[in-house]
Amino acid sequence: MTIQEAQQRVDQWITTTGVRYFSELTNMAILTEEVGEVARIMARQYGEQSFKESDLKKELSDELSDVLWVLICLANQCGVDLTAALEANFVKKDRRDAERHRQNKKLH
């Protein structure tokens, strides 16, 4: 699935099954909540935090897809073409960071 197809599928699901989009501010709060759930798993799986019984049923892939879903919702609501935005972001990073990371001694 392309990013454009994902934006279309999310929009179709929201406007049929989901009835309508939540407000942009509500979706921003939901995005923050979902990112927190990813952080919780990362802290336990890759960090020093121990798992609680309730954490064991959580899947990183599911939580990351929740983040992507809400991000796509926000993009749709705000009229952002994520494909074009990501392509522009690559151009920006290529110009800005062409040598920066190679010259960073911390990365070698």
C-alpha atoms as a PDB file:
ATOM      1  CA  MET A   1       0.000   0.000   0.000  1.00  0.00           C
ATOM      2  CA  THR A   2       1.338   3.439  -0.876  1.00  0.00           C
ATOM      3  CA  ILE A   3       1.090   6.390   1.470  1.00  0.00           C
ATOM      4  CA  GLN A   4      -1.522   7.918  -0.835  1.00  0.00           C
ATOM      5  CA  GLU A   5      -3.563   4.700  -0.724  1.00  0.00           C
ATOM      6  CA  ALA A   6      -3.280   4.661   3.062  1.00  0.00           C
ATOM      7  CA  GLN A   7      -4.607   8.217   3.242  1.00  0.00           C
ATOM      8  CA  GLN A   8      -7.516   7.270   0.995  1.00  0.00           C
ATOM      9  CA  ARG A   9      -8.324   4.086   2.939  1.00  0.00           C
ATOM     10  CA  VAL A  10      -8.255   5.847   6.291  1.00  0.00           C
ATOM     11  CA  ASP A  11     -10.519   8.568   4.906  1.00  0.00           C
ATOM     12  CA  GLN A  12     -12.920   5.987   3.512  1.00  0.00           C
ATOM     13  CA  TRP A  13     -13.037   4.120   6.836  1.00  0.00           C
ATOM     14  CA  ILE A  14     -13.519   7.314   8.843  1.00  0.00           C
ATOM     15  CA  THR A  15     -16.350   8.596   6.642  1.00  0.00           C
ATOM     16  CA  THR A  16     -18.198   5.264   6.606  1.00  0.00           C
ATOM     17  CA  THR A  17     -17.502   3.185   9.704  1.00  0.00           C
ATOM     18  CA  GLY A  18     -16.130   5.975  11.865  1.00  0.00           C
ATOM     19  CA  VAL A  19     -18.937   8.434  10.963  1.00  0.00           C
ATOM     20  CA  ARG A  20     -16.618  11.480  10.963  1.00  0.00           C
ATOM     21  CA  TYR A  21     -13.166  12.642  11.995  1.00  0.00           C
ATOM     22  CA  PHE A  22     -12.589  13.714  15.578  1.00  0.00           C
ATOM     23  CA  SER A  23     -11.508  17.345  15.797  1.00  0.00           C
ATOM     24  CA  GLU A  24      -7.912  18.145  14.985  1.00  0.00           C
ATOM     25  CA  LEU A  25      -7.197  18.941  18.638  1.00  0.00           C
ATOM     26  CA  THR A  26      -8.736  15.658  19.786  1.00  0.00           C
ATOM     27  CA  ASN A  27      -6.670  13.762  17.223  1.00  0.00           C
ATOM     28  CA  MET A  28      -3.534  15.603  18.372  1.00  0.00           C
ATOM     29  CA  ALA A  29      -4.234  14.445  21.928  1.00  0.00           C
ATOM     30  CA  ILE A  30      -4.887  10.891  20.693  1.00  0.00           C
ATOM     31  CA  LEU A  31      -1.610  10.973  18.723  1.00  0.00           C
ATOM     32  CA  THR A  32       0.247  11.978  21.879  1.00  0.00           C
ATOM     33  CA  GLU A  33      -1.431   9.149  23.774  1.00  0.00           C
ATOM     34  CA  GLU A  34      -0.494   6.610  21.089  1.00  0.00           C
ATOM     35  CA  VAL A  35       3.127   7.794  21.004  1.00  0.00           C
ATOM     36  CA  GLY A  36       3.155   7.338  24.784  1.00  0.00           C
ATOM     37  CA  GLU A  37       2.068   3.730  24.321  1.00  0.00           C
ATOM     38  CA  VAL A  38       4.957   3.190  21.899  1.00  0.00           C
ATOM     39  CA  ALA A  39       7.323   4.765  24.434  1.00  0.00           C
ATOM     40  CA  ARG A  40       6.001   2.447  27.150  1.00  0.00           C
ATOM     41  CA  ILE A  41       6.789  -0.643  25.076  1.00  0.00           C
ATOM     42  CA  MET A  42      10.203   0.691  24.023  1.00  0.00           C
ATOM     43  CA  ALA A  43      11.164   1.477  27.626  1.00  0.00           C
ATOM     44  CA  ARG A  44      10.319  -2.071  28.630  1.00  0.00           C
ATOM     45  CA  GLN A  45      11.588  -3.945  25.598  1.00  0.00           C
ATOM     46  CA  TYR A  46      14.794  -1.987  24.978  1.00  0.00           C
ATOM     47  CA  GLY A  47      15.276  -0.023  28.189  1.00  0.00           C
ATOM     48  CA  GLU A  48      15.578  -0.856  31.856  1.00  0.00           C
ATOM     49  CA  GLN A  49      11.890  -0.653  32.740  1.00  0.00           C
ATOM     50  CA  SER A  50      10.275  -3.974  33.656  1.00  0.00           C
ATOM     51  CA  PHE A  51       7.061  -5.246  32.101  1.00  0.00           C
ATOM     52  CA  LYS A  52       3.831  -5.223  34.067  1.00  0.00           C
ATOM     53  CA  GLU A  53       1.285  -7.966  33.431  1.00  0.00           C
ATOM     54  CA  SER A  54      -0.885  -5.492  31.485  1.00  0.00           C
ATOM     55  CA  ASP A  55       2.076  -4.593  29.222  1.00  0.00           C
ATOM     56  CA  LEU A  56       2.662  -8.142  28.043  1.00  0.00           C
ATOM     57  CA  LYS A  57      -0.341  -8.129  25.687  1.00  0.00           C
ATOM     58  CA  LYS A  58       0.829  -4.988  23.867  1.00  0.00           C
ATOM     59  CA  GLU A  59       2.496  -5.345  20.470  1.00  0.00           C
ATOM     60  CA  LEU A  60       4.938  -2.720  19.205  1.00  0.00           C
ATOM     61  CA  SER A  61       3.698  -3.189  15.628  1.00  0.00           C
ATOM     62  CA  ASP A  62       0.104  -2.528  16.695  1.00  0.00           C
ATOM     63  CA  GLU A  63       1.025   0.580  18.663  1.00  0.00           C
ATOM     64  CA  LEU A  64       3.158   1.947  15.812  1.00  0.00           C
ATOM     65  CA  SER A  65       0.284   1.397  13.394  1.00  0.00           C
ATOM     66  CA  ASP A  66      -2.010   3.282  15.800  1.00  0.00           C
ATOM     67  CA  VAL A  67       0.418   6.226  15.635  1.00  0.00           C
ATOM     68  CA  LEU A  68       0.453   6.029  11.837  1.00  0.00           C
ATOM     69  CA  TRP A  69      -3.353   5.859  11.694  1.00  0.00           C
ATOM     70  CA  VAL A  70      -3.847   9.017  13.756  1.00  0.00           C
ATOM     71  CA  LEU A  71      -1.039  10.795  11.895  1.00  0.00           C
ATOM     72  CA  ILE A  72      -2.813   9.987   8.630  1.00  0.00           C
ATOM     73  CA  CYS A  73      -6.083  11.273  10.096  1.00  0.00           C
ATOM     74  CA  LEU A  74      -4.429  14.579  10.971  1.00  0.00           C
ATOM     75  CA  ALA A  75      -2.847  14.838   7.533  1.00  0.00           C
ATOM     76  CA  ASN A  76      -6.204  14.205   5.879  1.00  0.00           C
ATOM     77  CA  GLN A  77      -7.952  16.767   8.057  1.00  0.00           C
ATOM     78  CA  CYS A  78      -5.301  19.410   7.428  1.00  0.00           C
ATOM     79  CA  GLY A  79      -5.074  18.790   3.677  1.00  0.00           C
ATOM     80  CA  VAL A  80      -1.527  17.404   3.779  1.00  0.00           C
ATOM     81  CA  ASP A  81      -0.417  15.034   1.016  1.00  0.00           C
ATOM     82  CA  LEU A  82       1.974  12.862   3.023  1.00  0.00           C
ATOM     83  CA  THR A  83       3.681  11.495  -0.099  1.00  0.00           C
ATOM     84  CA  ALA A  84       4.574  14.988  -1.299  1.00  0.00           C
ATOM     85  CA  ALA A  85       5.495  16.065   2.231  1.00  0.00           C
ATOM     86  CA  LEU A  86       7.822  13.090   2.708  1.00  0.00           C
ATOM     87  CA  GLU A  87       9.442  13.664  -0.681  1.00  0.00           C
ATOM     88  CA  ALA A  88      10.029  17.325   0.226  1.00  0.00           C
ATOM     89  CA  ASN A  89      11.444  16.222   3.578  1.00  0.00           C
ATOM     90  CA  PHE A  90      14.014  14.004   1.826  1.00  0.00           C
ATOM     91  CA  VAL A  91      15.082  16.970  -0.309  1.00  0.00           C
ATOM     92  CA  LYS A  92      15.399  19.144   2.797  1.00  0.00           C
ATOM     93  CA  LYS A  93      17.453  16.523   4.647  1.00  0.00           C
ATOM     94  CA  ASP A  94      19.677  15.884   1.602  1.00  0.00           C
ATOM     95  CA  ARG A  95      20.527  19.590   1.422  1.00  0.00           C
ATOM     96  CA  ARG A  96      20.844  20.232   5.142  1.00  0.00           C
ATOM     97  CA  ASP A  97      22.497  17.028   6.269  1.00  0.00           C
ATOM     98  CA  ALA A  98      24.599  16.012   3.247  1.00  0.00           C
ATOM     99  CA  GLU A  99      27.828  16.101   5.265  1.00  0.00           C
ATOM    100  CA  ARG A 100      26.670  16.698   8.826  1.00  0.00           C
ATOM    101  CA  HIS A 101      26.216  13.050   9.846  1.00  0.00           C
ATOM    102  CA  ARG A 102      29.395  11.870   8.116  1.00  0.00           C
ATOM    103  CA  GLN A 103      31.322  14.512  10.029  1.00  0.00           C
ATOM    104  CA  ASN A 104      29.743  13.591  13.379  1.00  0.00           C
ATOM    105  CA  LYS A 105      32.457  11.721  15.301  1.00  0.00           C
ATOM    106  CA  LYS A 106      29.819  10.275  17.634  1.00  0.00           C
ATOM    107  CA  LEU A 107      28.454   8.188  14.764  1.00  0.00           C
ATOM    108  CA  HIS A 108      31.776   6.536  13.893  1.00  0.00           C
END
